[in-house]
Amino acid sequence: MVHIGDTVPDFTQSSTEGTIQFHDWLGDSWGMLFSHPKDFTPVCTTELGTVARLKPEFDKRNCKVIGLSCDSLEDHHAWMGDIEETQGNAVNFPMLADDDRKVANLYEMIPPNAPNTMTVRSVFMIGPDKKLKLSLTYPASTGRNFDELLRVLDSLQLTSNCKVATPADWKNGEDCIIIPSVSDEEAKTLFPKGFTTIKPYLRTTPQPSC
C-alpha cells in the first residue's frame, strides 16, 4: 500500500482534460486525488458537484483536485452533463478514465477480494514534495465531507511549515498545540504571541503564520 510519507506513484493516464502525467501535472502544488466506484451513481454525482462548487477554496490553498472512476472517457463526459444538470455546478477539474484500473491498482484502491470496483472510494492528499500526507477510504454508501477535507488541508499546510499540531475539531484561525520537541525557550522565540502551558506536554499558542 501507499503509506503516509511515501512518494506517491506516478502515472500517465487519459482524463477529461487530456492526457495527464501525474507528477508533472501536480508541479509545485498540493493535490487531492479522489476516486469513485462508478459513473452514473447517486452519491458520487453529489460529491463531484460539491467539489466543483468548492474548487475555488482548493485553488486558494494551492491544491489541485482530480477525480478518478473505473469507467471510460466517453462515460465521464456523458456523466458530467448529469452532474451539472442535477447539482448546479459544472465539473471544473479533470477526471481520470481508469477503465483499465491502472491507477486504482497502483494506489491499491481495490481490495484483493473485492468482486467489483464499488469499493473504490479513496482520498489521497499529496504534498508538493509528492509524498502522501493523508489517505481515507469510504464505503460506497457514505458521501464524503469535503468541508472536512478542506479543514484537513489547512492543518496539513500549517503543520508542514510551523512547529505545531492541531487539536481535535480545530478550524483555521484557532489555537494550535506546540509540538513536544520544541523547548519552552525555543517556543518563546518561535511563538511571539505567547503560549499557555496546560501540562508540560500540552502547550497551546495562537495560530502562527510561518
Protein backbone atom coordinates (compact mmCIF):
# COMPACT_ATOMS: atom_id res chain seq x y z
CA MET A 1 0.00 0.00 0.00
CA VAL A 2 0.94 3.66 -0.32
CA HIS A 3 1.66 4.82 3.23
CA ILE A 4 1.81 8.32 4.69
CA GLY A 5 5.26 9.70 3.94
CA ASP A 6 5.73 7.59 0.80
CA THR A 7 6.30 9.21 -2.58
CA VAL A 8 3.05 8.55 -4.43
CA PRO A 9 3.20 6.51 -7.66
CA ASP A 10 3.49 8.48 -10.87
CA PHE A 11 1.35 7.56 -13.87
CA THR A 12 0.24 8.74 -17.29
CA GLN A 13 -3.48 8.42 -17.91
CA SER A 14 -6.26 9.87 -20.06
CA SER A 15 -8.59 12.39 -18.46
CA THR A 16 -11.46 14.68 -19.37
CA GLU A 17 -8.85 17.44 -19.75
CA GLY A 18 -6.37 15.46 -21.85
CA THR A 19 -3.53 13.10 -21.02
CA ILE A 20 -2.10 13.68 -17.54
CA GLN A 21 1.34 12.75 -16.30
CA PHE A 22 0.56 12.94 -12.64
CA HIS A 23 3.76 14.24 -11.04
CA ASP A 24 4.25 16.84 -13.79
CA TRP A 25 0.60 17.87 -13.51
CA LEU A 26 0.97 18.39 -9.74
CA GLY A 27 4.06 20.56 -10.20
CA ASP A 28 4.70 22.51 -7.01
CA SER A 29 1.09 22.31 -5.85
CA TRP A 30 -0.66 20.25 -3.26
CA GLY A 31 -3.03 17.69 -4.72
CA MET A 32 -6.18 15.78 -3.83
CA LEU A 33 -6.84 12.59 -5.80
CA PHE A 34 -10.26 11.17 -5.02
CA SER A 35 -11.85 8.12 -6.59
CA HIS A 36 -15.38 6.95 -7.28
CA PRO A 37 -16.85 3.46 -7.62
CA LYS A 38 -18.65 4.06 -10.89
CA ASP A 39 -20.07 6.70 -13.21
CA PHE A 40 -23.78 7.49 -13.04
CA THR A 41 -24.05 6.62 -9.35
CA PRO A 42 -26.06 8.87 -7.00
CA VAL A 43 -23.67 9.58 -4.13
CA CYS A 44 -20.75 10.25 -6.45
CA THR A 45 -22.87 12.64 -8.51
CA THR A 46 -23.42 14.78 -5.41
CA GLU A 47 -19.74 14.57 -4.47
CA LEU A 48 -18.45 15.76 -7.83
CA GLY A 49 -20.92 18.65 -7.80
CA THR A 50 -19.73 19.59 -4.31
CA VAL A 51 -16.05 19.56 -5.29
CA ALA A 52 -16.85 21.69 -8.35
CA ARG A 53 -18.54 24.22 -6.05
CA LEU A 54 -15.64 24.18 -3.59
CA LYS A 55 -12.85 24.26 -6.17
CA PRO A 56 -12.13 27.98 -5.58
CA GLU A 57 -11.39 27.06 -1.94
CA PHE A 58 -8.90 24.41 -3.05
CA ASP A 59 -7.40 26.89 -5.50
CA LYS A 60 -6.86 29.40 -2.66
CA ARG A 61 -4.85 26.73 -0.89
CA ASN A 62 -2.74 25.92 -3.98
CA CYS A 63 -4.30 22.46 -4.12
CA LYS A 64 -5.20 20.81 -7.42
CA VAL A 65 -8.11 18.35 -7.40
CA ILE A 66 -8.50 15.36 -9.69
CA GLY A 67 -11.17 12.67 -9.75
CA LEU A 68 -10.98 9.06 -10.87
CA SER A 69 -13.52 6.42 -11.80
CA CYS A 70 -13.04 2.99 -13.33
CA ASP A 71 -15.06 3.91 -16.41
CA SER A 72 -14.34 5.21 -19.90
CA LEU A 73 -13.69 8.77 -21.01
CA GLU A 74 -16.93 8.68 -23.01
CA ASP A 75 -18.91 7.76 -19.91
CA HIS A 76 -17.19 10.53 -17.94
CA HIS A 77 -18.20 13.19 -20.47
CA ALA A 78 -21.78 11.97 -20.51
CA TRP A 79 -21.93 11.86 -16.71
CA MET A 80 -20.57 15.40 -16.43
CA GLY A 81 -23.73 16.65 -18.14
CA ASP A 82 -25.86 14.94 -15.50
CA ILE A 83 -23.72 16.41 -12.71
CA GLU A 84 -24.13 19.96 -13.99
CA GLU A 85 -27.87 19.46 -14.51
CA THR A 86 -28.61 17.96 -11.09
CA GLN A 87 -26.03 19.72 -8.89
CA GLY A 88 -25.93 23.14 -10.50
CA ASN A 89 -22.16 23.07 -10.86
CA ALA A 90 -20.18 22.09 -13.96
CA VAL A 91 -17.21 19.81 -13.29
CA ASN A 92 -14.20 22.15 -13.41
CA PHE A 93 -11.36 19.73 -12.75
CA PRO A 94 -10.01 16.67 -14.59
CA MET A 95 -11.46 13.20 -14.14
CA LEU A 96 -9.19 10.26 -14.89
CA ALA A 97 -10.59 7.50 -17.07
CA ASP A 98 -9.32 4.39 -15.29
CA ASP A 99 -11.26 1.67 -17.09
CA ASP A 100 -8.05 -0.41 -17.22
CA ARG A 101 -7.77 0.04 -13.40
CA LYS A 102 -4.12 1.03 -13.77
CA VAL A 103 -4.24 3.89 -11.28
CA ALA A 104 -6.65 2.09 -8.92
CA ASN A 105 -4.21 -0.81 -8.75
CA LEU A 106 -1.15 1.43 -8.37
CA TYR A 107 -2.74 3.05 -5.34
CA GLU A 108 -4.33 -0.21 -4.13
CA MET A 109 -7.81 1.25 -4.09
CA ILE A 110 -9.45 -2.10 -4.79
CA PRO A 111 -9.11 -4.75 -2.06
CA PRO A 112 -7.80 -8.07 -3.41
CA ASN A 113 -11.09 -9.89 -2.71
CA ALA A 114 -13.40 -7.19 -4.00
CA PRO A 115 -15.91 -8.54 -6.55
CA ASN A 116 -16.07 -5.20 -8.42
CA THR A 117 -14.94 -1.57 -8.28
CA MET A 118 -17.67 -0.46 -5.87
CA THR A 119 -15.16 -0.21 -3.03
CA VAL A 120 -13.01 2.29 -4.96
CA ARG A 121 -13.78 5.32 -2.81
CA SER A 122 -10.50 6.76 -1.64
CA VAL A 123 -8.95 10.16 -0.93
CA PHE A 124 -5.24 10.89 -1.20
CA MET A 125 -3.82 14.25 -0.08
CA ILE A 126 -0.40 14.82 -1.60
CA GLY A 127 2.17 17.48 -0.77
CA PRO A 128 4.32 19.50 -3.20
CA ASP A 129 7.11 17.02 -2.41
CA LYS A 130 4.90 14.29 -4.00
CA LYS A 131 4.62 12.49 -0.67
CA LEU A 132 1.36 11.18 0.73
CA LYS A 133 0.10 13.31 3.61
CA LEU A 134 -3.30 11.70 4.23
CA SER A 135 -5.42 8.83 2.92
CA LEU A 136 -9.04 7.93 3.63
CA THR A 137 -11.32 5.18 2.36
CA TYR A 138 -15.10 5.40 2.48
CA PRO A 139 -17.83 2.84 1.79
CA ALA A 140 -19.95 3.34 -1.30
CA SER A 141 -22.98 4.36 0.77
CA THR A 142 -21.40 7.31 2.59
CA GLY A 143 -20.72 10.62 0.86
CA ARG A 144 -17.53 12.40 1.79
CA ASN A 145 -17.44 15.67 3.75
CA PHE A 146 -15.31 17.97 1.59
CA ASP A 147 -15.50 20.81 4.10
CA GLU A 148 -13.68 18.42 6.43
CA LEU A 149 -11.10 17.73 3.73
CA LEU A 150 -10.51 21.47 3.39
CA ARG A 151 -10.07 21.64 7.17
CA VAL A 152 -7.55 18.80 6.98
CA LEU A 153 -5.72 20.56 4.16
CA ASP A 154 -5.47 23.72 6.29
CA SER A 155 -3.97 21.65 9.10
CA LEU A 156 -1.54 19.83 6.81
CA GLN A 157 -0.29 23.05 5.28
CA LEU A 158 0.06 24.81 8.62
CA THR A 159 1.84 21.94 10.36
CA SER A 160 4.20 21.37 7.44
CA ASN A 161 5.55 24.92 7.88
CA CYS A 162 5.23 25.58 11.62
CA LYS A 163 6.27 23.51 14.62
CA VAL A 164 2.70 22.98 15.74
CA ALA A 165 -0.02 20.35 15.67
CA THR A 166 -3.76 20.95 15.57
CA PRO A 167 -6.13 19.68 18.28
CA ALA A 168 -9.41 17.82 17.86
CA ASP A 169 -12.03 19.76 15.90
CA TRP A 170 -9.53 22.53 15.13
CA LYS A 171 -10.51 25.09 12.50
CA ASN A 172 -8.33 27.56 10.64
CA GLY A 173 -7.57 30.54 12.90
CA GLU A 174 -7.94 28.70 16.21
CA ASP A 175 -5.24 27.94 18.78
CA CYS A 176 -2.69 25.25 17.98
CA ILE A 177 -0.54 22.88 20.02
CA ILE A 178 3.23 23.32 20.21
CA ILE A 179 4.92 20.03 19.31
CA PRO A 180 6.75 18.35 22.23
CA SER A 181 10.20 18.55 20.58
CA VAL A 182 10.15 22.36 20.93
CA SER A 183 11.56 23.55 24.27
CA ASP A 184 9.96 26.37 26.23
CA GLU A 185 12.94 28.60 25.40
CA GLU A 186 12.61 27.89 21.68
CA ALA A 187 8.86 28.41 21.90
CA LYS A 188 9.36 31.94 23.22
CA THR A 189 11.21 32.78 20.00
CA LEU A 190 9.02 30.82 17.60
CA PHE A 191 5.70 31.98 19.01
CA PRO A 192 5.91 35.69 19.88
CA LYS A 193 2.18 35.80 20.66
CA GLY A 194 2.99 33.64 23.69
CA PHE A 195 1.78 30.23 24.78
CA THR A 196 -0.13 28.60 27.59
CA THR A 197 1.23 25.55 29.42
CA ILE A 198 -1.64 23.27 30.43
CA LYS A 199 0.67 20.30 31.05
CA PRO A 200 4.40 20.08 30.25
CA TYR A 201 3.44 18.12 27.11
CA LEU A 202 0.38 20.25 26.27
CA ARG A 203 1.11 23.85 25.34
CA THR A 204 -1.23 25.98 23.23
CA THR A 205 -0.48 29.07 21.18
CA PRO A 206 -2.45 31.32 18.84
CA GLN A 207 -2.18 30.10 15.27
CA PRO A 208 1.19 31.26 13.94
CA SER A 209 1.97 32.46 10.43
CA CYS A 210 5.13 30.69 9.33
